[in-house]
């Protein structure tokens, strides 16, 4: 009986941790705390922001300097299959300059059903593949990418860090 109660409490805590919280704000950004390790399959929603995946997320510029390594902060834990290297995925995303919040790209420009397909590990910057590795379909994640894993001295934020809010729509 005691073992069943403990197991029930652990399961209830896990389900609560990965459920949507409609009271969260509509912005993300503030202090990106790592909530998942790429490829770990673990999800702990520590990021703040809208949990409605049909709504374009809004980024708020943090006061903290950009981290030196790519950081992942889950906003919504997915329940579908997890992405891994070589997976064909479809995402929705908003890409901004970490420091200024200026948006440089977003799949949402085509509407909430517009997705960006790619194969994890190819065809995108390293930080973008790192961001979705281990993430489950149906999840939303904030990723902060330093220049070395982003565009380096080129691209839309030369020498600067990037922030993406990514919704993993599908894993094949």
Protein backbone atom coordinates (compact mmCIF):
# COMPACT_ATOMS: atom_id res chain seq x y z
CA UNK A 1 0.00 0.00 0.00
CA UNK A 2 2.80 2.40 0.97
CA UNK A 3 4.66 1.63 -2.28
CA UNK A 4 1.49 2.26 -4.34
CA UNK A 5 0.92 5.61 -2.60
CA UNK A 6 4.53 6.70 -3.20
CA UNK A 7 4.34 5.62 -6.86
CA UNK A 8 1.05 7.50 -7.24
CA UNK A 9 2.54 10.68 -5.76
CA UNK A 10 5.60 10.45 -8.03
CA UNK A 11 3.39 9.93 -11.09
CA UNK A 12 1.09 12.81 -10.11
CA UNK A 13 4.09 15.11 -9.63
CA UNK A 14 5.51 14.16 -13.02
CA UNK A 15 2.20 14.76 -14.79
CA UNK A 16 1.75 18.10 -13.05
CA UNK A 17 5.30 19.21 -13.99
CA UNK A 18 4.70 18.60 -17.70
CA UNK A 19 1.16 19.93 -17.95
CA UNK A 20 0.20 23.27 -19.46
CA UNK A 21 -0.20 26.22 -17.14
CA UNK A 22 -2.58 28.72 -18.69
CA UNK A 23 -1.63 31.36 -16.10
CA UNK A 24 1.87 31.79 -17.51
CA UNK A 25 2.71 35.08 -19.17
CA UNK A 26 2.94 35.70 -22.90
CA UNK A 27 6.64 36.52 -22.86
CA UNK A 28 9.80 34.49 -22.64
CA UNK A 29 13.37 35.47 -22.18
CA UNK A 30 14.31 36.61 -18.74
CA UNK A 31 16.97 34.24 -17.37
CA UNK A 32 17.37 31.20 -19.55
CA UNK A 33 18.00 28.39 -17.11
CA UNK A 34 18.89 25.06 -18.61
CA UNK A 35 15.96 22.70 -18.18
CA UNK A 36 17.01 19.92 -20.47
CA UNK A 37 20.18 18.40 -21.79
CA UNK A 38 20.24 17.77 -25.51
CA UNK A 39 19.46 14.14 -26.15
CA UNK A 40 18.50 13.41 -22.54
CA UNK A 41 14.77 13.12 -23.14
CA UNK A 42 14.19 14.95 -19.87
CA UNK A 43 11.76 17.84 -19.69
CA UNK A 44 11.17 20.20 -16.84
CA UNK A 45 9.22 23.33 -17.81
CA UNK A 46 11.27 26.11 -16.18
CA UNK A 47 10.89 28.69 -18.93
CA UNK A 48 8.06 31.17 -18.81
CA UNK A 49 5.83 32.15 -21.65
CA UNK A 50 2.66 31.32 -23.44
CA UNK A 51 1.78 27.66 -23.36
CA UNK A 52 -0.78 27.98 -26.17
CA UNK A 53 1.09 26.51 -29.12
CA UNK A 54 -1.42 28.08 -31.52
CA UNK A 55 -0.19 31.52 -30.41
CA UNK A 56 3.02 33.12 -31.63
CA UNK A 57 5.36 33.48 -28.64
CA UNK A 58 6.75 36.88 -27.64
CA UNK A 59 10.35 37.31 -26.47
CA UNK A 60 11.37 39.64 -23.65
CA UNK A 61 14.98 40.83 -23.56
CA UNK A 62 16.75 39.47 -20.45
CA UNK A 63 18.90 41.63 -18.21
CA UNK A 64 21.54 38.92 -17.92
CA UNK A 65 24.40 38.61 -20.40
CA UNK A 66 24.12 35.83 -22.96
CA UNK A 67 25.37 32.44 -21.79
CA UNK A 68 28.62 31.09 -23.23
CA UNK A 69 27.02 27.77 -24.23
CA UNK A 70 23.71 26.91 -25.85
CA UNK A 71 21.02 26.79 -23.17
CA UNK A 72 17.61 25.17 -23.35
CA UNK A 73 14.56 26.22 -21.32
CA UNK A 74 11.40 24.20 -21.77
CA UNK A 75 8.15 26.13 -21.69
CA UNK A 76 5.87 23.21 -22.61
CA UNK A 77 6.82 19.54 -22.37
CA UNK A 78 5.79 17.57 -25.42
CA UNK A 79 4.22 14.14 -25.23
CA UNK A 80 5.01 12.87 -28.74
CA UNK A 81 8.10 11.19 -30.13
CA UNK A 82 11.49 12.69 -29.26
CA UNK A 83 13.73 14.18 -31.95
CA UNK A 84 17.21 12.76 -32.38
CA UNK A 85 20.05 13.23 -34.82
CA UNK A 86 18.79 12.28 -38.28
CA UNK A 87 15.09 12.73 -37.41
CA UNK A 88 12.95 14.56 -39.94
CA UNK A 89 11.13 17.26 -37.98
CA UNK A 90 8.76 20.17 -38.50
CA UNK A 91 8.96 23.20 -36.24
CA UNK A 92 7.48 26.65 -35.78
CA UNK A 93 9.91 29.25 -34.47
CA UNK A 94 10.65 32.87 -33.73
CA UNK A 95 14.30 33.97 -34.02
CA UNK A 96 15.53 37.15 -32.30
CA UNK A 97 18.70 38.97 -31.35
CA UNK A 98 19.25 37.85 -27.72
CA UNK A 99 20.45 41.29 -26.64
CA UNK A 100 17.95 43.57 -28.41
CA UNK A 101 14.96 41.29 -28.97
CA UNK A 102 14.78 42.35 -32.62
CA UNK A 103 13.10 39.59 -34.61
CA UNK A 104 15.11 38.49 -37.64
CA UNK A 105 13.05 35.49 -38.74
CA UNK A 106 9.91 33.58 -37.87
CA UNK A 107 8.00 30.73 -39.44
CA UNK A 108 4.88 32.38 -37.98
CA UNK A 109 4.99 34.98 -40.79
CA UNK A 110 3.09 32.43 -42.87
CA UNK A 111 0.48 31.92 -40.14
CA UNK A 112 0.16 29.51 -37.23
CA UNK A 113 0.05 26.42 -39.46
CA UNK A 114 3.24 27.28 -41.37
CA UNK A 115 6.10 24.96 -40.37
CA UNK A 116 9.79 24.68 -41.17
CA UNK A 117 10.92 21.12 -42.02
CA UNK A 118 14.53 19.95 -41.62
CA UNK A 119 16.60 16.95 -40.64
CA UNK A 120 18.19 17.23 -37.20
CA UNK A 121 21.94 17.64 -37.61
CA UNK A 122 21.89 18.92 -41.21
CA UNK A 123 20.90 22.06 -43.05
CA UNK A 124 20.59 24.34 -40.00
CA UNK A 125 22.97 26.03 -37.58
CA UNK A 126 24.38 23.73 -34.87
CA UNK A 127 22.45 25.44 -32.06
CA UNK A 128 19.13 24.82 -33.81
CA UNK A 129 19.81 21.08 -34.02
CA UNK A 130 20.99 21.09 -30.39
CA UNK A 131 17.73 22.82 -29.48
CA UNK A 132 15.42 20.12 -30.82
CA UNK A 133 17.52 17.06 -29.97
CA UNK A 134 15.74 15.23 -27.17
CA UNK A 135 12.70 17.49 -27.40
CA UNK A 136 9.33 15.75 -27.77
CA UNK A 137 6.70 16.66 -30.37
CA UNK A 138 4.15 19.03 -28.88
CA UNK A 139 6.78 20.91 -26.86
CA UNK A 140 7.86 24.55 -26.82
CA UNK A 141 11.41 25.52 -25.91
CA UNK A 142 13.48 28.69 -25.60
CA UNK A 143 17.04 28.21 -26.79
CA UNK A 144 19.87 30.74 -26.51
CA UNK A 145 22.68 30.14 -28.99
CA UNK A 146 26.12 31.79 -28.77
CA UNK A 147 27.81 32.91 -32.00
CA UNK A 148 30.01 29.78 -32.20
CA UNK A 149 26.93 27.53 -32.52
CA UNK A 150 24.96 30.13 -34.48
CA UNK A 151 26.03 32.30 -37.39
CA UNK A 152 29.45 33.33 -36.04
CA UNK A 153 30.41 36.74 -37.38
CA UNK A 154 27.85 36.55 -40.20
CA UNK A 155 24.11 36.14 -40.49
CA UNK A 156 21.41 38.38 -39.09
CA UNK A 157 23.21 39.01 -35.76
CA UNK A 158 26.93 39.24 -36.62
CA UNK A 159 28.97 38.11 -33.63
CA UNK A 160 25.90 38.09 -31.40
CA UNK A 161 23.87 35.51 -29.56
CA UNK A 162 20.53 34.34 -30.86
CA UNK A 163 17.35 33.35 -29.08
CA UNK A 164 14.78 31.06 -30.65
CA UNK A 165 11.44 29.99 -29.31
CA UNK A 166 10.77 26.66 -31.00
CA UNK A 167 7.62 24.56 -31.15
CA UNK A 168 8.31 20.97 -32.20
CA UNK A 169 5.28 20.14 -34.31
CA UNK A 170 6.21 16.78 -35.80
CA UNK A 171 8.91 14.10 -35.62
CA UNK A 172 9.12 11.47 -38.38
